[in-house]
Amino acid sequence: MTSRFEPTRAWRTGLVATVGALVLSACAWGYPADPGRRPRGGSAPAAYVDETVAAWGAAAADPAAEGIYRRRCGQCHEPFDPGHASAAEWPMFVARYGPRAGLFGAERARVLAWLQASAGR
């Protein structure tokens, strides 16, 4: 018995493209919603920065925060040296990329405080 439907080359190409797009979209990673405060507009709100600035004194000597930073941020790229950005720039980077790395709440504030305290060294 012969099949009445014979796919054309264009149909097969379209099918391959569609399946490829579905596979890639399934593999595309996202990041969870921030259960805490999530800065919008590319910069951290003043309250978020103020809480972080209050922790600066202890942050410079916080090896645990450095470990969290290296482990979380190292999932996607080689972690940047804290001197890569100024203390004023780190809140923007942490607000933007922290959720992708799974940094939320107190853990994110701790890492940000360490980055800012170590930025000037």
PDB file of N, CA and C in Angstrom:
ATOM      1  N   MET A   1       0.841  -1.168   0.000  1.00  0.00           N
ATOM      2  CA  MET A   1       0.000   0.000   0.000  1.00  0.00           C
ATOM      3  C   MET A   1       0.894   1.242   0.000  1.00  0.00           C
ATOM      4  N   THR A   2       0.642   2.166  -0.838  1.00  0.00           N
ATOM      5  CA  THR A   2       1.432   3.391  -0.938  1.00  0.00           C
ATOM      6  C   THR A   2       0.788   4.513  -0.141  1.00  0.00           C
ATOM      7  N   SER A   3       1.649   5.333   0.366  1.00  0.00           N
ATOM      8  CA  SER A   3       1.184   6.487   1.131  1.00  0.00           C
ATOM      9  C   SER A   3       0.710   7.566   0.171  1.00  0.00           C
ATOM     10  N   ARG A   4      -0.366   8.217   0.529  1.00  0.00           N
ATOM     11  CA  ARG A   4      -0.869   9.288  -0.325  1.00  0.00           C
ATOM     12  C   ARG A   4      -0.156  10.601  -0.031  1.00  0.00           C
ATOM     13  N   PHE A   5       0.521  10.674   1.093  1.00  0.00           N
ATOM     14  CA  PHE A   5       1.210  11.905   1.453  1.00  0.00           C
ATOM     15  C   PHE A   5       2.716  11.708   1.334  1.00  0.00           C
ATOM     16  N   GLU A   6       3.319  12.485   0.487  1.00  0.00           N
ATOM     17  CA  GLU A   6       4.768  12.457   0.359  1.00  0.00           C
ATOM     18  C   GLU A   6       5.283  13.861   0.667  1.00  0.00           C
ATOM     19  N   PRO A   7       6.009  13.998   1.800  1.00  0.00           N
ATOM     20  CA  PRO A   7       6.470  15.335   2.180  1.00  0.00           C
ATOM     21  C   PRO A   7       7.469  15.902   1.181  1.00  0.00           C
ATOM     22  N   THR A   8       7.303  17.160   0.933  1.00  0.00           N
ATOM     23  CA  THR A   8       8.239  17.842   0.041  1.00  0.00           C
ATOM     24  C   THR A   8       9.469  18.254   0.831  1.00  0.00           C
ATOM     25  N   ARG A   9      10.467  18.672   0.126  1.00  0.00           N
ATOM     26  CA  ARG A   9      11.701  19.108   0.785  1.00  0.00           C
ATOM     27  C   ARG A   9      11.428  20.321   1.684  1.00  0.00           C
ATOM     28  N   ALA A  10      10.617  21.247   1.222  1.00  0.00           N
ATOM     29  CA  ALA A  10      10.287  22.436   2.012  1.00  0.00           C
ATOM     30  C   ALA A  10       9.534  22.044   3.284  1.00  0.00           C
ATOM     31  N   TRP A  11       8.652  21.067   3.184  1.00  0.00           N
ATOM     32  CA  TRP A  11       7.910  20.614   4.355  1.00  0.00           C
ATOM     33  C   TRP A  11       8.849  19.984   5.374  1.00  0.00           C
ATOM     34  N   ARG A  12       9.772  19.164   4.913  1.00  0.00           N
ATOM     35  CA  ARG A  12      10.730  18.526   5.825  1.00  0.00           C
ATOM     36  C   ARG A  12      11.633  19.572   6.473  1.00  0.00           C
ATOM     37  N   THR A  13      12.065  20.560   5.702  1.00  0.00           N
ATOM     38  CA  THR A  13      12.911  21.617   6.246  1.00  0.00           C
ATOM     39  C   THR A  13      12.155  22.396   7.319  1.00  0.00           C
ATOM     40  N   GLY A  14      10.904  22.701   7.051  1.00  0.00           N
ATOM     41  CA  GLY A  14      10.074  23.405   8.037  1.00  0.00           C
ATOM     42  C   GLY A  14       9.878  22.584   9.298  1.00  0.00           C
ATOM     43  N   LEU A  15       9.687  21.281   9.133  1.00  0.00           N
ATOM     44  CA  LEU A  15       9.515  20.406  10.282  1.00  0.00           C
ATOM     45  C   LEU A  15      10.781  20.375  11.133  1.00  0.00           C
ATOM     46  N   VAL A  16      11.924  20.257  10.487  1.00  0.00           N
ATOM     47  CA  VAL A  16      13.199  20.231  11.201  1.00  0.00           C
ATOM     48  C   VAL A  16      13.404  21.555  11.945  1.00  0.00           C
ATOM     49  N   ALA A  17      13.085  22.665  11.293  1.00  0.00           N
ATOM     50  CA  ALA A  17      13.248  23.975  11.935  1.00  0.00           C
ATOM     51  C   ALA A  17      12.322  24.110  13.138  1.00  0.00           C
ATOM     52  N   THR A  18      11.097  23.641  13.009  1.00  0.00           N
ATOM     53  CA  THR A  18      10.137  23.725  14.110  1.00  0.00           C
ATOM     54  C   THR A  18      10.576  22.866  15.289  1.00  0.00           C
ATOM     55  N   VAL A  19      10.979  21.653  15.012  1.00  0.00           N
ATOM     56  CA  VAL A  19      11.439  20.763  16.083  1.00  0.00           C
ATOM     57  C   VAL A  19      12.693  21.344  16.735  1.00  0.00           C
ATOM     58  N   GLY A  20      13.599  21.881  15.941  1.00  0.00           N
ATOM     59  CA  GLY A  20      14.805  22.492  16.487  1.00  0.00           C
ATOM     60  C   GLY A  20      14.478  23.666  17.398  1.00  0.00           C
ATOM     61  N   ALA A  21      13.524  24.504  16.979  1.00  0.00           N
ATOM     62  CA  ALA A  21      13.127  25.649  17.803  1.00  0.00           C
ATOM     63  C   ALA A  21      12.510  25.186  19.114  1.00  0.00           C
ATOM     64  N   LEU A  22      11.701  24.134  19.061  1.00  0.00           N
ATOM     65  CA  LEU A  22      11.099  23.608  20.286  1.00  0.00           C
ATOM     66  C   LEU A  22      12.154  23.062  21.240  1.00  0.00           C
ATOM     67  N   VAL A  23      13.116  22.352  20.694  1.00  0.00           N
ATOM     68  CA  VAL A  23      14.181  21.798  21.532  1.00  0.00           C
ATOM     69  C   VAL A  23      14.987  22.915  22.167  1.00  0.00           C
ATOM     70  N   LEU A  24      15.355  23.921  21.380  1.00  0.00           N
ATOM     71  CA  LEU A  24      16.136  25.030  21.924  1.00  0.00           C
ATOM     72  C   LEU A  24      15.359  25.822  22.963  1.00  0.00           C
ATOM     73  N   SER A  25      14.065  26.015  22.725  1.00  0.00           N
ATOM     74  CA  SER A  25      13.282  26.765  23.708  1.00  0.00           C
ATOM     75  C   SER A  25      13.126  25.971  24.996  1.00  0.00           C
ATOM     76  N   ALA A  26      13.077  24.656  24.892  1.00  0.00           N
ATOM     77  CA  ALA A  26      12.983  23.832  26.099  1.00  0.00           C
ATOM     78  C   ALA A  26      14.287  23.870  26.881  1.00  0.00           C
ATOM     79  N   CYS A  27      15.392  24.035  26.195  1.00  0.00           N
ATOM     80  CA  CYS A  27      16.697  24.056  26.856  1.00  0.00           C
ATOM     81  C   CYS A  27      17.074  25.445  27.341  1.00  0.00           C
ATOM     82  N   ALA A  28      16.383  26.461  26.857  1.00  0.00           N
ATOM     83  CA  ALA A  28      16.715  27.822  27.270  1.00  0.00           C
ATOM     84  C   ALA A  28      16.452  27.951  28.761  1.00  0.00           C
ATOM     85  N   TRP A  29      17.393  28.533  29.473  1.00  0.00           N
ATOM     86  CA  TRP A  29      17.232  28.633  30.912  1.00  0.00           C
ATOM     87  C   TRP A  29      16.683  29.990  31.283  1.00  0.00           C
ATOM     88  N   GLY A  30      15.991  30.010  32.332  1.00  0.00           N
ATOM     89  CA  GLY A  30      15.472  31.245  32.872  1.00  0.00           C
ATOM     90  C   GLY A  30      15.939  31.342  34.313  1.00  0.00           C
ATOM     91  N   TYR A  31      15.363  32.219  35.055  1.00  0.00           N
ATOM     92  CA  TYR A  31      15.711  32.305  36.456  1.00  0.00           C
ATOM     93  C   TYR A  31      14.440  32.522  37.242  1.00  0.00           C
ATOM     94  N   PRO A  32      14.427  32.066  38.477  1.00  0.00           N
ATOM     95  CA  PRO A  32      13.219  32.165  39.280  1.00  0.00           C
ATOM     96  C   PRO A  32      12.917  33.608  39.663  1.00  0.00           C
ATOM     97  N   ALA A  33      11.681  33.849  39.954  1.00  0.00           N
ATOM     98  CA  ALA A  33      11.297  35.177  40.424  1.00  0.00           C
ATOM     99  C   ALA A  33      11.927  35.414  41.786  1.00  0.00           C
ATOM    100  N   ASP A  34      12.322  36.619  42.019  1.00  0.00           N
ATOM    101  CA  ASP A  34      12.943  36.979  43.287  1.00  0.00           C
ATOM    102  C   ASP A  34      11.857  37.019  44.358  1.00  0.00           C
ATOM    103  N   PRO A  35      11.954  36.159  45.365  1.00  0.00           N
ATOM    104  CA  PRO A  35      10.927  36.165  46.397  1.00  0.00           C
ATOM    105  C   PRO A  35      11.007  37.386  47.307  1.00  0.00           C
ATOM    106  N   GLY A  36      12.108  38.083  47.244  1.00  0.00           N
ATOM    107  CA  GLY A  36      12.254  39.285  48.070  1.00  0.00           C
ATOM    108  C   GLY A  36      12.102  40.529  47.228  1.00  0.00           C
ATOM    109  N   ARG A  37      12.828  41.538  47.587  1.00  0.00           N
ATOM    110  CA  ARG A  37      12.817  42.790  46.849  1.00  0.00           C
ATOM    111  C   ARG A  37      13.551  42.612  45.540  1.00  0.00           C
ATOM    112  N   ARG A  38      12.994  43.063  44.452  1.00  0.00           N
ATOM    113  CA  ARG A  38      13.694  42.973  43.179  1.00  0.00           C
ATOM    114  C   ARG A  38      13.817  44.362  42.575  1.00  0.00           C
ATOM    115  N   PRO A  39      15.014  44.905  42.566  1.00  0.00           N
ATOM    116  CA  PRO A  39      15.201  46.239  41.995  1.00  0.00           C
ATOM    117  C   PRO A  39      14.790  46.265  40.525  1.00  0.00           C
ATOM    118  N   ARG A  40      14.175  47.326  40.125  1.00  0.00           N
ATOM    119  CA  ARG A  40      13.748  47.474  38.726  1.00  0.00           C
ATOM    120  C   ARG A  40      14.507  48.640  38.096  1.00  0.00           C
ATOM    121  N   GLY A  41      14.567  48.634  36.795  1.00  0.00           N
ATOM    122  CA  GLY A  41      15.170  49.755  36.088  1.00  0.00           C
ATOM    123  C   GLY A  41      16.688  49.759  36.095  1.00  0.00           C
ATOM    124  N   GLY A  42      17.309  48.642  36.443  1.00  0.00           N
ATOM    125  CA  GLY A  42      18.758  48.541  36.343  1.00  0.00           C
ATOM    126  C   GLY A  42      19.542  49.079  37.521  1.00  0.00           C
ATOM    127  N   SER A  43      18.863  49.614  38.538  1.00  0.00           N
ATOM    128  CA  SER A  43      19.618  50.070  39.695  1.00  0.00           C
ATOM    129  C   SER A  43      18.893  49.630  40.956  1.00  0.00           C
ATOM    130  N   ALA A  44      19.628  49.507  42.007  1.00  0.00           N
ATOM    131  CA  ALA A  44      19.047  49.062  43.267  1.00  0.00           C
ATOM    132  C   ALA A  44      18.362  50.228  43.963  1.00  0.00           C
ATOM    133  N   PRO A  45      17.225  49.981  44.603  1.00  0.00           N
ATOM    134  CA  PRO A  45      16.555  51.056  45.334  1.00  0.00           C
ATOM    135  C   PRO A  45      17.397  51.483  46.534  1.00  0.00           C
ATOM    136  N   ALA A  46      17.158  52.688  46.983  1.00  0.00           N
ATOM    137  CA  ALA A  46      17.960  53.256  48.065  1.00  0.00           C
ATOM    138  C   ALA A  46      17.929  52.383  49.311  1.00  0.00           C
ATOM    139  N   ALA A  47      16.770  51.833  49.671  1.00  0.00           N
ATOM    140  CA  ALA A  47      16.670  51.011  50.877  1.00  0.00           C
ATOM    141  C   ALA A  47      17.564  49.784  50.771  1.00  0.00           C
ATOM    142  N   TYR A  48      17.620  49.199  49.590  1.00  0.00           N
ATOM    143  CA  TYR A  48      18.456  48.012  49.377  1.00  0.00           C
ATOM    144  C   TYR A  48      19.927  48.367  49.546  1.00  0.00           C
ATOM    145  N   VAL A  49      20.321  49.489  48.984  1.00  0.00           N
ATOM    146  CA  VAL A  49      21.713  49.934  49.090  1.00  0.00           C
ATOM    147  C   VAL A  49      22.034  50.308  50.530  1.00  0.00           C
ATOM    148  N   ASP A  50      21.114  50.982  51.230  1.00  0.00           N
ATOM    149  CA  ASP A  50      21.355  51.382  52.616  1.00  0.00           C
ATOM    150  C   ASP A  50      21.575  50.173  53.519  1.00  0.00           C
ATOM    151  N   GLU A  51      20.757  49.120  53.335  1.00  0.00           N
ATOM    152  CA  GLU A  51      20.934  47.905  54.128  1.00  0.00           C
ATOM    153  C   GLU A  51      22.304  47.304  53.864  1.00  0.00           C
ATOM    154  N   THR A  52      22.720  47.354  52.616  1.00  0.00           N
ATOM    155  CA  THR A  52      24.007  46.778  52.241  1.00  0.00           C
ATOM    156  C   THR A  52      25.155  47.603  52.803  1.00  0.00           C
ATOM    157  N   VAL A  53      25.042  48.916  52.713  1.00  0.00           N
ATOM    158  CA  VAL A  53      26.102  49.787  53.215  1.00  0.00           C
ATOM    159  C   VAL A  53      26.287  49.579  54.717  1.00  0.00           C
ATOM    160  N   ALA A  54      25.214  49.307  55.442  1.00  0.00           N
ATOM    161  CA  ALA A  54      25.301  49.079  56.882  1.00  0.00           C
ATOM    162  C   ALA A  54      26.142  47.844  57.193  1.00  0.00           C
ATOM    163  N   ALA A  55      26.210  46.905  56.274  1.00  0.00           N
ATOM    164  CA  ALA A  55      26.945  45.662  56.501  1.00  0.00           C
ATOM    165  C   ALA A  55      28.390  45.723  56.005  1.00  0.00           C
ATOM    166  N   TRP A  56      28.828  46.840  55.480  1.00  0.00           N
ATOM    167  CA  TRP A  56      30.173  46.932  54.886  1.00  0.00           C
ATOM    168  C   TRP A  56      31.290  46.597  55.861  1.00  0.00           C
ATOM    169  N   GLY A  57      31.176  47.055  57.094  1.00  0.00           N
ATOM    170  CA  GLY A  57      32.255  46.845  58.052  1.00  0.00           C
ATOM    171  C   GLY A  57      32.631  45.376  58.189  1.00  0.00           C
ATOM    172  N   ALA A  58      31.644  44.509  58.348  1.00  0.00           N
ATOM    173  CA  ALA A  58      31.908  43.079  58.510  1.00  0.00           C
ATOM    174  C   ALA A  58      32.144  42.388  57.172  1.00  0.00           C
ATOM    175  N   ALA A  59      31.704  42.998  56.104  1.00  0.00           N
ATOM    176  CA  ALA A  59      31.753  42.339  54.797  1.00  0.00           C
ATOM    177  C   ALA A  59      33.160  42.153  54.267  1.00  0.00           C
ATOM    178  N   ALA A  60      34.050  43.073  54.555  1.00  0.00           N
ATOM    179  CA  ALA A  60      35.396  42.983  54.000  1.00  0.00           C
ATOM    180  C   ALA A  60      36.104  41.717  54.459  1.00  0.00           C
ATOM    181  N   ALA A  61      35.779  41.238  55.654  1.00  0.00           N
ATOM    182  CA  ALA A  61      36.431  40.043  56.186  1.00  0.00           C
ATOM    183  C   ALA A  61      35.452  38.874  56.231  1.00  0.00           C
ATOM    184  N   ASP A  62      34.580  38.764  55.233  1.00  0.00           N
ATOM    185  CA  ASP A  62      33.561  37.715  55.213  1.00  0.00           C
ATOM    186  C   ASP A  62      33.911  36.666  54.156  1.00  0.00           C
ATOM    187  N   PRO A  63      34.709  35.658  54.514  1.00  0.00           N
ATOM    188  CA  PRO A  63      35.094  34.642  53.523  1.00  0.00           C
ATOM    189  C   PRO A  63      33.906  33.802  53.039  1.00  0.00           C
ATOM    190  N   ALA A  64      32.865  33.694  53.881  1.00  0.00           N
ATOM    191  CA  ALA A  64      31.684  32.924  53.464  1.00  0.00           C
ATOM    192  C   ALA A  64      30.978  33.621  52.300  1.00  0.00           C
ATOM    193  N   ALA A  65      30.902  34.945  52.341  1.00  0.00           N
ATOM    194  CA  ALA A  65      30.261  35.691  51.254  1.00  0.00           C
ATOM    195  C   ALA A  65      31.042  35.516  49.957  1.00  0.00           C
ATOM    196  N   GLU A  66      32.368  35.509  50.071  1.00  0.00           N
ATOM    197  CA  GLU A  66      33.184  35.281  48.877  1.00  0.00           C
ATOM    198  C   GLU A  66      32.913  33.886  48.311  1.00  0.00           C
ATOM    199  N   GLY A  67      32.790  32.906  49.185  1.00  0.00           N
ATOM    200  CA  GLY A  67      32.500  31.543  48.734  1.00  0.00           C
ATOM    201  C   GLY A  67      31.152  31.439  48.054  1.00  0.00           C
ATOM    202  N   ILE A  68      30.150  32.112  48.618  1.00  0.00           N
ATOM    203  CA  ILE A  68      28.811  32.116  48.004  1.00  0.00           C
ATOM    204  C   ILE A  68      28.893  32.757  46.630  1.00  0.00           C
ATOM    205  N   TYR A  69      29.595  33.893  46.549  1.00  0.00           N
ATOM    206  CA  TYR A  69      29.740  34.596  45.268  1.00  0.00           C
ATOM    207  C   TYR A  69      30.405  33.700  44.220  1.00  0.00           C
ATOM    208  N   ARG A  70      31.506  33.096  44.583  1.00  0.00           N
ATOM    209  CA  ARG A  70      32.238  32.258  43.621  1.00  0.00           C
ATOM    210  C   ARG A  70      31.417  31.041  43.203  1.00  0.00           C
ATOM    211  N   ARG A  71      30.700  30.441  44.134  1.00  0.00           N
ATOM    212  CA  ARG A  71      29.897  29.261  43.809  1.00  0.00           C
ATOM    213  C   ARG A  71      28.692  29.633  42.932  1.00  0.00           C
ATOM    214  N   ARG A  72      27.949  30.652  43.335  1.00  0.00           N
ATOM    215  CA  ARG A  72      26.730  31.015  42.603  1.00  0.00           C
ATOM    216  C   ARG A  72      27.041  31.633  41.243  1.00  0.00           C
ATOM    217  N   CYS A  73      27.911  32.619  41.215  1.00  0.00           N
ATOM    218  CA  CYS A  73      28.209  33.312  39.967  1.00  0.00           C
ATOM    219  C   CYS A  73      29.072  32.456  39.045  1.00  0.00           C
ATOM    220  N   GLY A  74      29.826  31.542  39.643  1.00  0.00           N
ATOM    221  CA  GLY A  74      30.666  30.644  38.858  1.00  0.00           C
ATOM    222  C   GLY A  74      29.888  29.589  38.098  1.00  0.00           C
ATOM    223  N   GLN A  75      28.569  29.503  38.322  1.00  0.00           N
ATOM    224  CA  GLN A  75      27.740  28.571  37.563  1.00  0.00           C
ATOM    225  C   GLN A  75      27.678  28.951  36.085  1.00  0.00           C
ATOM    226  N   CYS A  76      27.745  30.252  35.820  1.00  0.00           N
ATOM    227  CA  CYS A  76      27.579  30.738  34.441  1.00  0.00           C
ATOM    228  C   CYS A  76      28.868  31.282  33.830  1.00  0.00           C
ATOM    229  N   HIS A  77      29.762  31.793  34.642  1.00  0.00           N
ATOM    230  CA  HIS A  77      30.985  32.395  34.106  1.00  0.00           C
ATOM    231  C   HIS A  77      32.053  32.395  35.185  1.00  0.00           C
ATOM    232  N   GLU A  78      33.254  32.686  34.800  1.00  0.00           N
ATOM    233  CA  GLU A  78      34.338  32.850  35.765  1.00  0.00           C
ATOM    234  C   GLU A  78      34.007  34.093  36.595  1.00  0.00           C
ATOM    235  N   PRO A  79      33.926  33.975  37.910  1.00  0.00           N
ATOM    236  CA  PRO A  79      33.562  35.140  38.727  1.00  0.00           C
ATOM    237  C   PRO A  79      34.550  36.292  38.537  1.00  0.00           C
ATOM    238  N   PHE A  80      33.997  37.480  38.442  1.00  0.00           N
ATOM    239  CA  PHE A  80      34.820  38.670  38.279  1.00  0.00           C
ATOM    240  C   PHE A  80      35.497  39.021  39.594  1.00  0.00           C
ATOM    241  N   ASP A  81      36.654  39.622  39.488  1.00  0.00           N
ATOM    242  CA  ASP A  81      37.338  40.162  40.652  1.00  0.00           C
ATOM    243  C   ASP A  81      36.490  41.321  41.167  1.00  0.00           C
ATOM    244  N   PRO A  82      36.359  41.495  42.488  1.00  0.00           N
ATOM    245  CA  PRO A  82      35.558  42.613  43.007  1.00  0.00           C
ATOM    246  C   PRO A  82      36.014  43.977  42.497  1.00  0.00           C
ATOM    247  N   GLY A  83      37.284  44.105  42.132  1.00  0.00           N
ATOM    248  CA  GLY A  83      37.789  45.363  41.594  1.00  0.00           C
ATOM    249  C   GLY A  83      37.349  45.635  40.162  1.00  0.00           C
ATOM    250  N   HIS A  84      36.635  44.674  39.559  1.00  0.00           N
ATOM    251  CA  HIS A  84      36.146  44.831  38.190  1.00  0.00           C
ATOM    252  C   HIS A  84      35.166  46.001  38.073  1.00  0.00           C
ATOM    253  N   ALA A  85      34.410  46.255  39.133  1.00  0.00           N
ATOM    254  CA  ALA A  85      33.440  47.352  39.135  1.00  0.00           C
ATOM    255  C   ALA A  85      33.625  48.151  40.423  1.00  0.00           C
ATOM    256  N   SER A  86      33.126  49.363  40.410  1.00  0.00           N
ATOM    257  CA  SER A  86      33.212  50.194  41.613  1.00  0.00           C
ATOM    258  C   SER A  86      32.128  49.767  42.598  1.00  0.00           C
ATOM    259  N   ALA A  87      32.255  50.222  43.831  1.00  0.00           N
ATOM    260  CA  ALA A  87      31.248  49.908  44.849  1.00  0.00           C
ATOM    261  C   ALA A  87      29.880  50.424  44.439  1.00  0.00           C
ATOM    262  N   ALA A  88      29.839  51.528  43.711  1.00  0.00           N
ATOM    263  CA  ALA A  88      28.566  52.086  43.257  1.00  0.00           C
ATOM    264  C   ALA A  88      27.955  51.283  42.111  1.00  0.00           C
ATOM    265  N   GLU A  89      28.776  50.575  41.341  1.00  0.00           N
ATOM    266  CA  GLU A  89      28.272  49.805  40.198  1.00  0.00           C
ATOM    267  C   GLU A  89      27.792  48.405  40.577  1.00  0.00           C
ATOM    268  N   TRP A  90      28.334  47.823  41.647  1.00  0.00           N
ATOM    269  CA  TRP A  90      27.982  46.446  42.001  1.00  0.00           C
ATOM    270  C   TRP A  90      26.494  46.230  42.258  1.00  0.00           C
ATOM    271  N   PRO A  91      25.761  47.175  42.894  1.00  0.00           N
ATOM    272  CA  PRO A  91      24.327  46.921  43.099  1.00  0.00           C
ATOM    273  C   PRO A  91      23.568  46.682  41.795  1.00  0.00           C
ATOM    274  N   MET A  92      23.955  47.380  40.725  1.00  0.00           N
ATOM    275  CA  MET A  92      23.293  47.192  39.439  1.00  0.00           C
ATOM    276  C   MET A  92      23.539  45.778  38.907  1.00  0.00           C
ATOM    277  N   PHE A  93      24.793  45.319  38.991  1.00  0.00           N
ATOM    278  CA  PHE A  93      25.115  43.985  38.491  1.00  0.00           C
ATOM    279  C   PHE A  93      24.437  42.898  39.313  1.00  0.00           C
ATOM    280  N   VAL A  94      24.456  43.050  40.626  1.00  0.00           N
ATOM    281  CA  VAL A  94      23.851  42.042  41.499  1.00  0.00           C
ATOM    282  C   VAL A  94      22.332  42.029  41.333  1.00  0.00           C
ATOM    283  N   ALA A  95      21.725  43.205  41.169  1.00  0.00           N
ATOM    284  CA  ALA A  95      20.278  43.265  40.965  1.00  0.00           C
ATOM    285  C   ALA A  95      19.881  42.607  39.645  1.00  0.00           C
ATOM    286  N   ARG A  96      20.691  42.786  38.640  1.00  0.00           N
ATOM    287  CA  ARG A  96      20.359  42.244  37.318  1.00  0.00           C
ATOM    288  C   ARG A  96      20.635  40.745  37.212  1.00  0.00           C
ATOM    289  N   TYR A  97      21.783  40.307  37.710  1.00  0.00           N
ATOM    290  CA  TYR A  97      22.195  38.918  37.506  1.00  0.00           C
ATOM    291  C   TYR A  97      22.042  38.029  38.736  1.00  0.00           C
ATOM    292  N   GLY A  98      21.828  38.616  39.896  1.00  0.00           N
ATOM    293  CA  GLY A  98      21.665  37.834  41.118  1.00  0.00           C
ATOM    294  C   GLY A  98      20.545  36.798  41.041  1.00  0.00           C
ATOM    295  N   PRO A  99      19.359  37.171  40.538  1.00  0.00           N
ATOM    296  CA  PRO A  99      18.292  36.169  40.453  1.00  0.00           C
ATOM    297  C   PRO A  99      18.661  34.981  39.560  1.00  0.00           C
ATOM    298  N   ARG A 100      19.393  35.216  38.491  1.00  0.00           N
ATOM    299  CA  ARG A 100      19.822  34.102  37.625  1.00  0.00           C
ATOM    300  C   ARG A 100      20.733  33.145  38.380  1.00  0.00           C
ATOM    301  N   ALA A 101      21.521  33.702  39.292  1.00  0.00           N
ATOM    302  CA  ALA A 101      22.460  32.891  40.064  1.00  0.00           C
ATOM    303  C   ALA A 101      21.808  32.294  41.305  1.00  0.00           C
ATOM    304  N   GLY A 102      20.561  32.672  41.565  1.00  0.00           N
ATOM    305  CA  GLY A 102      19.877  32.160  42.744  1.00  0.00           C
ATOM    306  C   GLY A 102      20.217  32.927  44.012  1.00  0.00           C
ATOM    307  N   LEU A 103      20.663  34.161  43.860  1.00  0.00           N
ATOM    308  CA  LEU A 103      20.977  35.002  45.020  1.00  0.00           C
ATOM    309  C   LEU A 103      19.753  35.822  45.392  1.00  0.00           C
ATOM    310  N   PHE A 104      19.224  35.577  46.583  1.00  0.00           N
ATOM    311  CA  PHE A 104      18.039  36.284  47.048  1.00  0.00           C
ATOM    312  C   PHE A 104      18.211  36.704  48.497  1.00  0.00           C
ATOM    313  N   GLY A 105      17.470  37.708  48.882  1.00  0.00           N
ATOM    314  CA  GLY A 105      17.375  38.117  50.277  1.00  0.00           C
ATOM    315  C   GLY A 105      18.698  38.403  50.957  1.00  0.00           C
ATOM    316  N   ALA A 106      18.847  37.834  52.152  1.00  0.00           N
ATOM    317  CA  ALA A 106      20.029  38.097  52.984  1.00  0.00           C
ATOM    318  C   ALA A 106      21.311  37.608  52.320  1.00  0.00           C
ATOM    319  N   GLU A 107      21.214  36.499  51.595  1.00  0.00           N
ATOM    320  CA  GLU A 107      22.406  35.975  50.921  1.00  0.00           C
ATOM    321  C   GLU A 107      22.880  36.956  49.851  1.00  0.00           C
ATOM    322  N   ARG A 108      21.945  37.519  49.100  1.00  0.00           N
ATOM    323  CA  ARG A 108      22.315  38.491  48.074  1.00  0.00           C
ATOM    324  C   ARG A 108      22.880  39.759  48.695  1.00  0.00           C
ATOM    325  N   ALA A 109      22.287  40.217  49.792  1.00  0.00           N
ATOM    326  CA  ALA A 109      22.789  41.418  50.465  1.00  0.00           C
ATOM    327  C   ALA A 109      24.194  41.170  51.007  1.00  0.00           C
ATOM    328  N   ARG A 110      24.433  39.970  51.503  1.00  0.00           N
ATOM    329  CA  ARG A 110      25.753  39.625  52.046  1.00  0.00           C
ATOM    330  C   ARG A 110      26.816  39.623  50.946  1.00  0.00           C
ATOM    331  N   VAL A 111      26.483  39.022  49.795  1.00  0.00           N
ATOM    332  CA  VAL A 111      27.423  38.988  48.669  1.00  0.00           C
ATOM    333  C   VAL A 111      27.668  40.400  48.142  1.00  0.00           C
ATOM    334  N   LEU A 112      26.601  41.174  48.024  1.00  0.00           N
ATOM    335  CA  LEU A 112      26.759  42.549  47.540  1.00  0.00           C
ATOM    336  C   LEU A 112      27.631  43.359  48.487  1.00  0.00           C
ATOM    337  N   ALA A 113      27.411  43.204  49.772  1.00  0.00           N
ATOM    338  CA  ALA A 113      28.231  43.933  50.750  1.00  0.00           C
ATOM    339  C   ALA A 113      29.702  43.544  50.619  1.00  0.00           C
ATOM    340  N   TRP A 114      29.962  42.257  50.421  1.00  0.00           N
ATOM    341  CA  TRP A 114      31.353  41.806  50.246  1.00  0.00           C
ATOM    342  C   TRP A 114      31.961  42.386  48.975  1.00  0.00           C
ATOM    343  N   LEU A 115      31.191  42.368  47.872  1.00  0.00           N
ATOM    344  CA  LEU A 115      31.696  42.914  46.607  1.00  0.00           C
ATOM    345  C   LEU A 115      32.019  44.396  46.743  1.00  0.00           C
ATOM    346  N   GLN A 116      31.104  45.131  47.371  1.00  0.00           N
ATOM    347  CA  GLN A 116      31.315  46.564  47.517  1.00  0.00           C
ATOM    348  C   GLN A 116      32.483  46.869  48.457  1.00  0.00           C
ATOM    349  N   ALA A 117      32.596  46.127  49.533  1.00  0.00           N
ATOM    350  CA  ALA A 117      33.693  46.354  50.468  1.00  0.00           C
ATOM    351  C   ALA A 117      35.037  45.969  49.846  1.00  0.00           C
ATOM    352  N   SER A 118      35.022  44.994  48.965  1.00  0.00           N
ATOM    353  CA  SER A 118      36.272  44.523  48.333  1.00  0.00           C
ATOM    354  C   SER A 118      36.593  45.256  47.048  1.00  0.00           C
ATOM    355  N   ALA A 119      35.682  46.086  46.557  1.00  0.00           N
ATOM    356  CA  ALA A 119      35.876  46.762  45.278  1.00  0.00           C
ATOM    357  C   ALA A 119      37.060  47.724  45.303  1.00  0.00           C
ATOM    358  N   GLY A 120      37.289  48.366  46.436  1.00  0.00           N
ATOM    359  CA  GLY A 120      38.342  49.366  46.525  1.00  0.00           C
ATOM    360  C   GLY A 120      39.714  48.805  46.818  1.00  0.00           C
ATOM    361  N   ARG A 121      39.815  47.510  47.061  1.00  0.00           N
ATOM    362  CA  ARG A 121      41.117  46.954  47.432  1.00  0.00           C
ATOM    363  C   ARG A 121      41.985  46.718  46.247  1.00  0.00           C
TER     364      ARG A 121
END
